[in-house]
Amino acid sequence: MQVDFAFLCDAATESAGKLNALGIGIDRLIVRELPQAHRRLVVVTRVSFEPEDAGEQPFVIELVGPDGREVAPMVQGQLNVQLGEGAGGARANIIIEIANATFTTMGPHEAKLSIGGDEVTVLPLEVMLQSAV
C-alpha cells in the first residue's frame, strides 16, 4: 500500500475515477478568535494497493490539535480492495468531509489517515490568530 497523494481542500468530488477539488493545499487557517468552528474541511487521498492488500481495509481519519485531542469527531470507514485476475494493483480515492471542526488552540494541528491500523499520512494544519499574521 502506498499513498500517491494527500491534501486538505475546501471541497472535492469524484467522477469516473477523476478527482475534482477546490481550494487545494490548505495548510494554514487564519481565524479571528478562538474557539472557531470551521464549516468544512475535506481530506483527499489516493492510495495504491498491491495484490497482498486485497480485501477489507478499515480506515480512520482524525483531526487533532497540538495536545493530541480531537477537534472533530473521528471518521471511520472501510475500503473493499478488489483486484481483477492478473491485475498488478488497484487505486482508491478517499474523500472525507470534516464538518464543523472546532479549533480551541493556536498552533500545529494534524489530519491523520490510518489504513489497516497503520498511519499512512499526516497532513499539517497550522491554526493562527488573524492579529498574529
N, C-alpha and C. Protein backbone atom coordinates (compact mmCIF):
# COMPACT_ATOMS: atom_id res chain seq x y z
N MET A 1 0.85 -1.17 0.00
CA MET A 1 0.00 0.00 0.00
C MET A 1 0.89 1.23 0.00
N GLN A 2 0.50 2.22 -0.81
CA GLN A 2 1.28 3.45 -0.90
C GLN A 2 0.34 4.63 -1.13
N VAL A 3 0.58 5.73 -0.42
CA VAL A 3 -0.18 6.95 -0.64
C VAL A 3 0.43 7.67 -1.83
N ASP A 4 -0.37 7.85 -2.89
CA ASP A 4 0.09 8.57 -4.08
C ASP A 4 0.10 10.07 -3.84
N PHE A 5 -0.96 10.58 -3.21
CA PHE A 5 -1.01 11.98 -2.80
C PHE A 5 -2.10 12.16 -1.76
N ALA A 6 -1.98 13.24 -1.01
CA ALA A 6 -2.98 13.58 0.01
C ALA A 6 -2.93 15.08 0.24
N PHE A 7 -4.11 15.68 0.43
CA PHE A 7 -4.16 17.12 0.69
C PHE A 7 -5.47 17.47 1.38
N LEU A 8 -5.49 18.66 1.97
CA LEU A 8 -6.70 19.24 2.53
C LEU A 8 -7.21 20.28 1.54
N CYS A 9 -8.54 20.38 1.41
CA CYS A 9 -9.11 21.36 0.49
C CYS A 9 -10.48 21.81 1.00
N ASP A 10 -11.10 22.71 0.23
CA ASP A 10 -12.42 23.24 0.60
C ASP A 10 -13.56 22.31 0.19
N ALA A 11 -13.42 21.65 -0.98
CA ALA A 11 -14.46 20.77 -1.49
C ALA A 11 -13.84 19.82 -2.51
N ALA A 12 -14.43 18.61 -2.63
CA ALA A 12 -13.92 17.65 -3.60
C ALA A 12 -15.03 16.68 -3.99
N THR A 13 -14.95 16.20 -5.23
CA THR A 13 -15.84 15.17 -5.73
C THR A 13 -15.02 14.21 -6.59
N GLU A 14 -15.63 13.09 -6.92
CA GLU A 14 -15.00 12.11 -7.80
C GLU A 14 -16.00 11.77 -8.89
N SER A 15 -15.52 11.67 -10.13
CA SER A 15 -16.35 11.29 -11.26
C SER A 15 -15.53 10.39 -12.17
N ALA A 16 -15.98 9.16 -12.33
CA ALA A 16 -15.30 8.18 -13.18
C ALA A 16 -13.83 8.04 -12.82
N GLY A 17 -13.53 8.05 -11.52
CA GLY A 17 -12.16 7.89 -11.06
C GLY A 17 -11.33 9.16 -11.05
N LYS A 18 -11.87 10.24 -11.62
CA LYS A 18 -11.15 11.51 -11.64
C LYS A 18 -11.58 12.36 -10.44
N LEU A 19 -10.61 13.02 -9.85
CA LEU A 19 -10.88 13.90 -8.71
C LEU A 19 -11.06 15.33 -9.18
N ASN A 20 -12.01 16.01 -8.56
CA ASN A 20 -12.23 17.44 -8.78
C ASN A 20 -12.17 18.09 -7.41
N ALA A 21 -11.29 19.10 -7.25
CA ALA A 21 -11.13 19.70 -5.92
C ALA A 21 -11.00 21.21 -6.03
N LEU A 22 -11.49 21.89 -4.99
CA LEU A 22 -11.40 23.35 -4.88
C LEU A 22 -10.60 23.72 -3.64
N GLY A 23 -9.79 24.73 -3.76
CA GLY A 23 -9.02 25.20 -2.60
C GLY A 23 -7.99 24.20 -2.14
N ILE A 24 -7.29 23.60 -3.08
CA ILE A 24 -6.33 22.53 -2.77
C ILE A 24 -5.15 23.06 -1.96
N GLY A 25 -4.70 22.24 -1.05
CA GLY A 25 -3.45 22.53 -0.34
C GLY A 25 -3.59 23.38 0.90
N ILE A 26 -4.71 23.29 1.59
CA ILE A 26 -4.87 24.06 2.82
C ILE A 26 -3.87 23.53 3.84
N ASP A 27 -3.03 24.42 4.37
CA ASP A 27 -2.11 24.03 5.43
C ASP A 27 -2.09 25.06 6.56
N ARG A 28 -2.93 26.08 6.41
CA ARG A 28 -2.99 27.13 7.44
C ARG A 28 -4.42 27.69 7.49
N LEU A 29 -4.92 27.85 8.70
CA LEU A 29 -6.20 28.51 8.91
C LEU A 29 -5.94 29.75 9.75
N ILE A 30 -6.40 30.88 9.26
CA ILE A 30 -6.27 32.13 9.99
C ILE A 30 -7.65 32.48 10.53
N VAL A 31 -7.78 32.51 11.85
CA VAL A 31 -9.07 32.73 12.50
C VAL A 31 -9.07 34.06 13.24
N ARG A 32 -10.26 34.61 13.42
CA ARG A 32 -10.39 35.90 14.11
C ARG A 32 -10.35 35.75 15.62
N GLU A 33 -10.89 34.63 16.08
CA GLU A 33 -10.93 34.38 17.52
C GLU A 33 -11.02 32.89 17.78
N LEU A 34 -10.74 32.52 19.01
CA LEU A 34 -10.87 31.14 19.44
C LEU A 34 -11.90 31.06 20.54
N PRO A 35 -12.70 30.05 20.64
CA PRO A 35 -12.77 28.93 19.70
C PRO A 35 -13.37 29.36 18.37
N GLN A 36 -13.05 28.60 17.33
CA GLN A 36 -13.53 28.88 15.98
C GLN A 36 -13.97 27.58 15.32
N ALA A 37 -15.21 27.55 14.83
CA ALA A 37 -15.70 26.38 14.09
C ALA A 37 -15.43 26.62 12.61
N HIS A 38 -14.84 25.65 11.97
CA HIS A 38 -14.57 25.73 10.52
C HIS A 38 -15.63 24.87 9.84
N ARG A 39 -16.42 25.49 8.97
CA ARG A 39 -17.60 24.83 8.38
C ARG A 39 -17.27 23.54 7.66
N ARG A 40 -16.22 23.57 6.82
CA ARG A 40 -15.92 22.38 6.03
C ARG A 40 -14.43 22.31 5.71
N LEU A 41 -13.89 21.12 5.90
CA LEU A 41 -12.51 20.82 5.55
C LEU A 41 -12.55 19.41 4.96
N VAL A 42 -11.97 19.24 3.78
CA VAL A 42 -12.05 17.95 3.10
C VAL A 42 -10.66 17.32 3.00
N VAL A 43 -10.57 16.06 3.39
CA VAL A 43 -9.35 15.28 3.26
C VAL A 43 -9.47 14.46 1.98
N VAL A 44 -8.48 14.62 1.09
CA VAL A 44 -8.46 13.86 -0.17
C VAL A 44 -7.17 13.06 -0.23
N THR A 45 -7.31 11.78 -0.51
CA THR A 45 -6.15 10.89 -0.59
C THR A 45 -6.35 9.89 -1.72
N ARG A 46 -5.29 9.62 -2.47
CA ARG A 46 -5.31 8.49 -3.42
C ARG A 46 -4.29 7.48 -2.93
N VAL A 47 -4.76 6.24 -2.82
CA VAL A 47 -3.92 5.15 -2.31
C VAL A 47 -3.81 4.07 -3.37
N SER A 48 -2.60 3.58 -3.59
CA SER A 48 -2.36 2.44 -4.48
C SER A 48 -2.19 1.19 -3.63
N PHE A 49 -2.84 0.12 -4.06
CA PHE A 49 -2.79 -1.15 -3.35
C PHE A 49 -2.13 -2.21 -4.21
N GLU A 50 -1.44 -3.11 -3.56
CA GLU A 50 -0.80 -4.26 -4.20
C GLU A 50 -1.68 -5.50 -3.96
N PRO A 51 -1.44 -6.59 -4.69
CA PRO A 51 -2.28 -7.78 -4.51
C PRO A 51 -2.39 -8.26 -3.06
N GLU A 52 -1.33 -8.12 -2.28
CA GLU A 52 -1.39 -8.58 -0.87
C GLU A 52 -2.31 -7.72 -0.01
N ASP A 53 -2.76 -6.55 -0.52
CA ASP A 53 -3.66 -5.67 0.22
C ASP A 53 -5.13 -5.98 -0.04
N ALA A 54 -5.43 -6.95 -0.91
CA ALA A 54 -6.81 -7.25 -1.29
C ALA A 54 -7.65 -7.59 -0.07
N GLY A 55 -8.92 -7.20 -0.13
CA GLY A 55 -9.87 -7.48 0.95
C GLY A 55 -10.31 -6.21 1.64
N GLU A 56 -10.93 -6.37 2.79
CA GLU A 56 -11.43 -5.24 3.57
C GLU A 56 -10.26 -4.51 4.24
N GLN A 57 -10.23 -3.21 4.07
CA GLN A 57 -9.20 -2.37 4.69
C GLN A 57 -9.91 -1.27 5.48
N PRO A 58 -9.96 -1.38 6.81
CA PRO A 58 -10.57 -0.30 7.60
C PRO A 58 -9.68 0.94 7.58
N PHE A 59 -10.32 2.12 7.57
CA PHE A 59 -9.55 3.36 7.65
C PHE A 59 -10.14 4.29 8.70
N VAL A 60 -9.27 5.17 9.20
CA VAL A 60 -9.65 6.15 10.22
C VAL A 60 -9.00 7.48 9.85
N ILE A 61 -9.78 8.56 9.95
CA ILE A 61 -9.24 9.90 9.79
C ILE A 61 -9.50 10.66 11.08
N GLU A 62 -8.42 11.23 11.62
CA GLU A 62 -8.51 12.01 12.85
C GLU A 62 -7.98 13.41 12.60
N LEU A 63 -8.63 14.41 13.14
CA LEU A 63 -8.14 15.78 13.11
C LEU A 63 -7.86 16.16 14.55
N VAL A 64 -6.57 16.36 14.85
CA VAL A 64 -6.17 16.58 16.24
C VAL A 64 -5.40 17.89 16.39
N GLY A 65 -5.46 18.44 17.60
CA GLY A 65 -4.77 19.68 17.93
C GLY A 65 -3.38 19.42 18.46
N PRO A 66 -2.69 20.49 18.88
CA PRO A 66 -1.32 20.36 19.38
C PRO A 66 -1.19 19.43 20.58
N ASP A 67 -2.28 19.31 21.35
CA ASP A 67 -2.26 18.45 22.54
C ASP A 67 -2.69 17.02 22.23
N GLY A 68 -2.97 16.71 20.95
CA GLY A 68 -3.37 15.37 20.56
C GLY A 68 -4.87 15.09 20.68
N ARG A 69 -5.63 16.08 21.17
CA ARG A 69 -7.07 15.91 21.33
C ARG A 69 -7.78 16.17 20.00
N GLU A 70 -8.87 15.44 19.78
CA GLU A 70 -9.66 15.61 18.57
C GLU A 70 -10.33 16.98 18.54
N VAL A 71 -10.33 17.61 17.35
CA VAL A 71 -11.05 18.86 17.17
C VAL A 71 -12.32 18.63 16.34
N ALA A 72 -12.50 17.40 15.90
CA ALA A 72 -13.69 16.97 15.17
C ALA A 72 -13.84 15.47 15.43
N PRO A 73 -15.06 14.95 15.31
CA PRO A 73 -15.23 13.51 15.52
C PRO A 73 -14.40 12.70 14.52
N MET A 74 -13.81 11.61 15.00
CA MET A 74 -13.05 10.70 14.16
C MET A 74 -13.99 10.12 13.10
N VAL A 75 -13.47 9.94 11.88
CA VAL A 75 -14.23 9.33 10.80
C VAL A 75 -13.66 7.94 10.55
N GLN A 76 -14.55 6.94 10.52
CA GLN A 76 -14.13 5.57 10.26
C GLN A 76 -14.88 5.04 9.04
N GLY A 77 -14.21 4.18 8.30
CA GLY A 77 -14.84 3.58 7.13
C GLY A 77 -14.12 2.31 6.72
N GLN A 78 -14.58 1.74 5.61
CA GLN A 78 -14.00 0.51 5.07
C GLN A 78 -13.74 0.69 3.59
N LEU A 79 -12.60 0.22 3.14
CA LEU A 79 -12.31 0.12 1.72
C LEU A 79 -12.34 -1.36 1.38
N ASN A 80 -13.03 -1.71 0.29
CA ASN A 80 -13.03 -3.08 -0.18
C ASN A 80 -12.12 -3.15 -1.40
N VAL A 81 -10.90 -3.56 -1.18
CA VAL A 81 -9.89 -3.58 -2.24
C VAL A 81 -10.06 -4.86 -3.05
N GLN A 82 -10.44 -4.67 -4.33
CA GLN A 82 -10.64 -5.80 -5.23
C GLN A 82 -9.69 -5.65 -6.41
N LEU A 83 -9.02 -6.73 -6.73
CA LEU A 83 -8.11 -6.74 -7.86
C LEU A 83 -8.59 -7.79 -8.86
N GLY A 84 -8.65 -7.40 -10.13
CA GLY A 84 -9.05 -8.33 -11.17
C GLY A 84 -7.97 -9.38 -11.41
N GLU A 85 -8.36 -10.43 -12.07
CA GLU A 85 -7.43 -11.51 -12.40
C GLU A 85 -6.24 -10.95 -13.18
N GLY A 86 -5.04 -11.19 -12.69
CA GLY A 86 -3.83 -10.72 -13.36
C GLY A 86 -3.53 -9.25 -13.16
N ALA A 87 -4.37 -8.57 -12.39
CA ALA A 87 -4.13 -7.14 -12.15
C ALA A 87 -2.94 -6.97 -11.22
N GLY A 88 -2.11 -5.99 -11.51
CA GLY A 88 -0.94 -5.74 -10.68
C GLY A 88 -1.24 -4.94 -9.44
N GLY A 89 -2.33 -4.22 -9.43
CA GLY A 89 -2.66 -3.39 -8.28
C GLY A 89 -3.97 -2.66 -8.51
N ALA A 90 -4.36 -1.88 -7.53
CA ALA A 90 -5.59 -1.11 -7.60
C ALA A 90 -5.37 0.23 -6.92
N ARG A 91 -6.21 1.19 -7.25
CA ARG A 91 -6.16 2.52 -6.62
C ARG A 91 -7.53 2.84 -6.03
N ALA A 92 -7.50 3.64 -4.96
CA ALA A 92 -8.74 4.11 -4.35
C ALA A 92 -8.59 5.57 -4.00
N ASN A 93 -9.63 6.34 -4.30
CA ASN A 93 -9.70 7.73 -3.87
C ASN A 93 -10.52 7.78 -2.59
N ILE A 94 -10.00 8.46 -1.59
CA ILE A 94 -10.72 8.65 -0.33
C ILE A 94 -11.00 10.14 -0.21
N ILE A 95 -12.28 10.48 -0.13
CA ILE A 95 -12.71 11.88 0.02
C ILE A 95 -13.59 11.93 1.27
N ILE A 96 -13.11 12.59 2.30
CA ILE A 96 -13.84 12.66 3.56
C ILE A 96 -14.01 14.13 3.97
N GLU A 97 -15.25 14.53 4.18
CA GLU A 97 -15.54 15.88 4.65
C GLU A 97 -15.59 15.89 6.17
N ILE A 98 -14.86 16.82 6.73
CA ILE A 98 -14.90 17.03 8.18
C ILE A 98 -15.67 18.33 8.39
N ALA A 99 -16.85 18.20 8.99
CA ALA A 99 -17.73 19.36 9.16
C ALA A 99 -17.62 19.90 10.57
N ASN A 100 -17.61 21.22 10.65
CA ASN A 100 -17.67 21.94 11.92
C ASN A 100 -16.59 21.55 12.93
N ALA A 101 -15.37 21.41 12.43
CA ALA A 101 -14.24 21.20 13.35
C ALA A 101 -14.12 22.45 14.22
N THR A 102 -13.95 22.26 15.52
CA THR A 102 -13.87 23.40 16.43
C THR A 102 -12.44 23.52 16.96
N PHE A 103 -11.80 24.59 16.56
CA PHE A 103 -10.42 24.84 16.96
C PHE A 103 -10.43 25.72 18.20
N THR A 104 -9.76 25.25 19.26
CA THR A 104 -9.74 25.98 20.53
C THR A 104 -8.36 26.48 20.89
N THR A 105 -7.34 26.04 20.13
CA THR A 105 -5.98 26.48 20.40
C THR A 105 -5.27 26.83 19.10
N MET A 106 -4.31 27.72 19.21
CA MET A 106 -3.46 28.04 18.08
C MET A 106 -2.39 26.97 17.99
N GLY A 107 -1.71 26.96 16.85
CA GLY A 107 -0.57 26.08 16.71
C GLY A 107 -0.79 24.96 15.72
N PRO A 108 0.13 23.99 15.75
CA PRO A 108 0.11 22.92 14.76
C PRO A 108 -0.97 21.87 15.05
N HIS A 109 -1.81 21.64 14.07
CA HIS A 109 -2.82 20.59 14.11
C HIS A 109 -2.47 19.59 13.01
N GLU A 110 -3.10 18.41 13.06
CA GLU A 110 -2.81 17.39 12.05
C GLU A 110 -4.06 16.62 11.68
N ALA A 111 -4.18 16.33 10.37
CA ALA A 111 -5.18 15.38 9.88
C ALA A 111 -4.42 14.09 9.62
N LYS A 112 -4.79 13.03 10.31
CA LYS A 112 -4.07 11.75 10.23
C LYS A 112 -4.97 10.70 9.57
N LEU A 113 -4.38 9.98 8.60
CA LEU A 113 -5.09 8.88 7.95
C LEU A 113 -4.38 7.58 8.28
N SER A 114 -5.14 6.63 8.82
CA SER A 114 -4.64 5.28 9.08
C SER A 114 -5.47 4.30 8.26
N ILE A 115 -4.79 3.33 7.64
CA ILE A 115 -5.46 2.27 6.89
C ILE A 115 -4.95 0.94 7.41
N GLY A 116 -5.87 0.06 7.75
CA GLY A 116 -5.48 -1.25 8.26
C GLY A 116 -4.67 -1.17 9.54
N GLY A 117 -4.90 -0.11 10.33
CA GLY A 117 -4.18 0.05 11.59
C GLY A 117 -2.84 0.75 11.47
N ASP A 118 -2.39 1.05 10.24
CA ASP A 118 -1.11 1.74 10.04
C ASP A 118 -1.36 3.19 9.64
N GLU A 119 -0.67 4.11 10.31
CA GLU A 119 -0.76 5.51 9.92
C GLU A 119 -0.03 5.68 8.59
N VAL A 120 -0.75 6.14 7.55
CA VAL A 120 -0.16 6.21 6.22
C VAL A 120 0.16 7.63 5.76
N THR A 121 -0.50 8.62 6.35
CA THR A 121 -0.17 10.00 6.02
C THR A 121 -0.64 10.94 7.12
N VAL A 122 0.10 12.03 7.27
CA VAL A 122 -0.23 13.09 8.23
C VAL A 122 -0.16 14.41 7.49
N LEU A 123 -1.27 15.16 7.52
CA LEU A 123 -1.33 16.45 6.85
C LEU A 123 -1.29 17.56 7.90
N PRO A 124 -0.29 18.44 7.81
CA PRO A 124 -0.19 19.52 8.80
C PRO A 124 -1.21 20.62 8.55
N LEU A 125 -1.69 21.23 9.63
CA LEU A 125 -2.62 22.34 9.54
C LEU A 125 -2.31 23.31 10.69
N GLU A 126 -1.76 24.45 10.35
CA GLU A 126 -1.40 25.46 11.35
C GLU A 126 -2.60 26.37 11.57
N VAL A 127 -2.98 26.58 12.83
CA VAL A 127 -4.08 27.50 13.18
C VAL A 127 -3.45 28.74 13.80
N MET A 128 -3.77 29.90 13.21
CA MET A 128 -3.19 31.17 13.66
C MET A 128 -4.29 32.20 13.87
N LEU A 129 -4.09 33.08 14.86
CA LEU A 129 -4.99 34.22 15.04
C LEU A 129 -4.67 35.29 14.02
N GLN A 130 -5.71 35.91 13.49
CA GLN A 130 -5.52 36.94 12.46
C GLN A 130 -4.64 38.06 12.95
N SER A 131 -4.72 38.42 14.22
CA SER A 131 -3.89 39.51 14.75
C SER A 131 -2.40 39.16 14.78
N ALA A 132 -2.08 37.85 14.71
CA ALA A 132 -0.69 37.42 14.74
C ALA A 132 -0.05 37.38 13.36
N VAL A 133 -0.88 37.59 12.32
CA VAL A 133 -0.37 37.49 10.94
C VAL A 133 0.11 38.83 10.46
